[in-house]
Amino acid sequence: MEKFIAGLAAGAMLGALWVANSNKTRSLVQKGQEELKQRMDAYIDEKLAAMETKKESSAKK
């Protein structure tokens, strides 16, 4: 078990170094993060609009 954990930690460190030193990989990660932020913003806006619509319809009754 200790070997597995040590290997996992070493792999994570090497992976982090690889990403930090690779411009292509770094830009790919940043692009993915930006896309995720945009999707989350759209989802939140959709949910807020649905809540406002529900609130307005219940206030009219």
N, C-alpha and C. Protein backbone atom coordinates (compact mmCIF):
# COMPACT_ATOMS: atom_id res chain seq x y z
N MET A 1 0.82 -1.19 0.00
CA MET A 1 0.00 0.00 0.00
C MET A 1 0.87 1.26 0.00
N GLU A 2 1.98 1.20 0.75
CA GLU A 2 2.86 2.36 0.83
C GLU A 2 3.49 2.65 -0.53
N LYS A 3 3.82 1.58 -1.28
CA LYS A 3 4.41 1.77 -2.61
C LYS A 3 3.40 2.43 -3.55
N PHE A 4 2.15 2.03 -3.42
CA PHE A 4 1.11 2.62 -4.26
C PHE A 4 0.95 4.10 -3.98
N ILE A 5 0.90 4.46 -2.71
CA ILE A 5 0.74 5.86 -2.32
C ILE A 5 1.96 6.67 -2.76
N ALA A 6 3.16 6.11 -2.59
CA ALA A 6 4.37 6.81 -3.02
C ALA A 6 4.37 6.99 -4.53
N GLY A 7 3.95 5.98 -5.26
CA GLY A 7 3.87 6.08 -6.72
C GLY A 7 2.84 7.09 -7.16
N LEU A 8 1.72 7.11 -6.48
CA LEU A 8 0.66 8.08 -6.79
C LEU A 8 1.15 9.50 -6.54
N ALA A 9 1.82 9.72 -5.43
CA ALA A 9 2.34 11.04 -5.11
C ALA A 9 3.41 11.46 -6.13
N ALA A 10 4.30 10.53 -6.48
CA ALA A 10 5.35 10.85 -7.45
C ALA A 10 4.73 11.15 -8.82
N GLY A 11 3.74 10.39 -9.21
CA GLY A 11 3.06 10.63 -10.49
C GLY A 11 2.36 11.96 -10.51
N ALA A 12 1.74 12.33 -9.42
CA ALA A 12 1.06 13.62 -9.34
C ALA A 12 2.06 14.76 -9.45
N MET A 13 3.20 14.61 -8.78
CA MET A 13 4.23 15.65 -8.85
C MET A 13 4.80 15.76 -10.25
N LEU A 14 5.09 14.64 -10.88
CA LEU A 14 5.62 14.67 -12.25
C LEU A 14 4.60 15.23 -13.22
N GLY A 15 3.35 14.89 -13.05
CA GLY A 15 2.29 15.42 -13.89
C GLY A 15 2.15 16.92 -13.74
N ALA A 16 2.24 17.40 -12.52
CA ALA A 16 2.16 18.84 -12.27
C ALA A 16 3.34 19.57 -12.90
N LEU A 17 4.53 18.99 -12.81
CA LEU A 17 5.70 19.60 -13.44
C LEU A 17 5.56 19.61 -14.95
N TRP A 18 5.04 18.54 -15.51
CA TRP A 18 4.87 18.44 -16.95
C TRP A 18 3.90 19.52 -17.44
N VAL A 19 2.79 19.67 -16.74
CA VAL A 19 1.81 20.69 -17.12
C VAL A 19 2.39 22.09 -16.96
N ALA A 20 3.12 22.30 -15.88
CA ALA A 20 3.69 23.63 -15.63
C ALA A 20 4.73 24.01 -16.68
N ASN A 21 5.41 23.03 -17.25
CA ASN A 21 6.47 23.33 -18.20
C ASN A 21 6.03 23.22 -19.65
N SER A 22 4.81 22.88 -19.90
CA SER A 22 4.35 22.71 -21.27
C SER A 22 3.34 23.80 -21.61
N ASN A 23 3.69 24.65 -22.55
CA ASN A 23 2.80 25.74 -22.94
C ASN A 23 1.52 25.22 -23.58
N LYS A 24 1.62 24.20 -24.40
CA LYS A 24 0.42 23.65 -25.04
C LYS A 24 -0.53 23.08 -24.01
N THR A 25 0.00 22.32 -23.08
CA THR A 25 -0.84 21.70 -22.06
C THR A 25 -1.45 22.76 -21.16
N ARG A 26 -0.65 23.76 -20.81
CA ARG A 26 -1.15 24.84 -19.95
C ARG A 26 -2.30 25.58 -20.63
N SER A 27 -2.13 25.88 -21.91
CA SER A 27 -3.20 26.59 -22.63
C SER A 27 -4.43 25.71 -22.77
N LEU A 28 -4.23 24.41 -22.93
CA LEU A 28 -5.37 23.49 -23.02
C LEU A 28 -6.14 23.44 -21.70
N VAL A 29 -5.42 23.41 -20.60
CA VAL A 29 -6.06 23.40 -19.27
C VAL A 29 -6.81 24.70 -19.05
N GLN A 30 -6.20 25.83 -19.41
CA GLN A 30 -6.86 27.11 -19.24
C GLN A 30 -8.12 27.21 -20.09
N LYS A 31 -8.05 26.69 -21.32
CA LYS A 31 -9.21 26.69 -22.21
C LYS A 31 -10.34 25.85 -21.61
N GLY A 32 -10.00 24.70 -21.06
CA GLY A 32 -11.00 23.85 -20.43
C GLY A 32 -11.63 24.51 -19.22
N GLN A 33 -10.82 25.20 -18.43
CA GLN A 33 -11.34 25.90 -17.27
C GLN A 33 -12.28 27.03 -17.69
N GLU A 34 -11.92 27.76 -18.72
CA GLU A 34 -12.76 28.86 -19.19
C GLU A 34 -14.09 28.33 -19.73
N GLU A 35 -14.02 27.23 -20.46
CA GLU A 35 -15.26 26.63 -20.99
C GLU A 35 -16.16 26.16 -19.86
N LEU A 36 -15.57 25.57 -18.83
CA LEU A 36 -16.35 25.12 -17.67
C LEU A 36 -17.00 26.30 -16.97
N LYS A 37 -16.26 27.41 -16.82
CA LYS A 37 -16.83 28.60 -16.19
C LYS A 37 -18.02 29.13 -16.99
N GLN A 38 -17.88 29.16 -18.31
CA GLN A 38 -18.97 29.65 -19.15
C GLN A 38 -20.20 28.76 -19.02
N ARG A 39 -19.99 27.46 -19.01
CA ARG A 39 -21.13 26.54 -18.85
C ARG A 39 -21.81 26.71 -17.51
N MET A 40 -21.00 26.87 -16.45
CA MET A 40 -21.58 27.05 -15.12
C MET A 40 -22.34 28.37 -15.03
N ASP A 41 -21.81 29.44 -15.63
CA ASP A 41 -22.51 30.72 -15.63
C ASP A 41 -23.85 30.61 -16.35
N ALA A 42 -23.86 29.93 -17.49
CA ALA A 42 -25.11 29.76 -18.24
C ALA A 42 -26.11 28.94 -17.43
N TYR A 43 -25.64 27.90 -16.75
CA TYR A 43 -26.51 27.05 -15.94
C TYR A 43 -27.11 27.85 -14.78
N ILE A 44 -26.27 28.65 -14.13
CA ILE A 44 -26.74 29.45 -13.00
C ILE A 44 -27.75 30.49 -13.47
N ASP A 45 -27.46 31.15 -14.60
CA ASP A 45 -28.39 32.13 -15.14
C ASP A 45 -29.73 31.48 -15.48
N GLU A 46 -29.68 30.28 -16.04
CA GLU A 46 -30.91 29.56 -16.38
C GLU A 46 -31.73 29.25 -15.14
N LYS A 47 -31.06 28.78 -14.09
CA LYS A 47 -31.75 28.45 -12.85
C LYS A 47 -32.33 29.69 -12.18
N LEU A 48 -31.60 30.80 -12.21
CA LEU A 48 -32.11 32.04 -11.62
C LEU A 48 -33.32 32.55 -12.38
N ALA A 49 -33.29 32.45 -13.71
CA ALA A 49 -34.43 32.88 -14.51
C ALA A 49 -35.65 32.01 -14.20
N ALA A 50 -35.44 30.72 -14.03
CA ALA A 50 -36.55 29.82 -13.71
C ALA A 50 -37.13 30.16 -12.34
N MET A 51 -36.25 30.49 -11.38
CA MET A 51 -36.73 30.84 -10.05
C MET A 51 -37.53 32.14 -10.09
N GLU A 52 -37.07 33.12 -10.87
CA GLU A 52 -37.78 34.39 -10.97
C GLU A 52 -39.14 34.21 -11.63
N THR A 53 -39.18 33.37 -12.66
CA THR A 53 -40.44 33.11 -13.34
C THR A 53 -41.43 32.43 -12.39
N LYS A 54 -40.93 31.49 -11.63
CA LYS A 54 -41.77 30.78 -10.66
C LYS A 54 -42.27 31.75 -9.58
N LYS A 55 -41.39 32.63 -9.15
CA LYS A 55 -41.74 33.60 -8.12
C LYS A 55 -42.81 34.57 -8.63
N GLU A 56 -42.67 35.03 -9.87
CA GLU A 56 -43.65 35.96 -10.45
C GLU A 56 -45.00 35.30 -10.64
N SER A 57 -44.99 34.05 -11.08
CA SER A 57 -46.27 33.37 -11.31
C SER A 57 -47.00 33.08 -9.99
N SER A 58 -46.26 32.82 -8.93
CA SER A 58 -46.91 32.58 -7.64
C SER A 58 -47.38 33.89 -7.01
N ALA A 59 -46.73 35.00 -7.32
CA ALA A 59 -47.15 36.29 -6.79
C ALA A 59 -48.44 36.78 -7.46
N LYS A 60 -48.67 36.40 -8.71
CA LYS A 60 -49.86 36.82 -9.44
C LYS A 60 -51.12 36.11 -8.92
N LYS A 61 -50.95 34.95 -8.36
CA LYS A 61 -52.11 34.17 -7.89
C LYS A 61 -52.61 34.65 -6.60
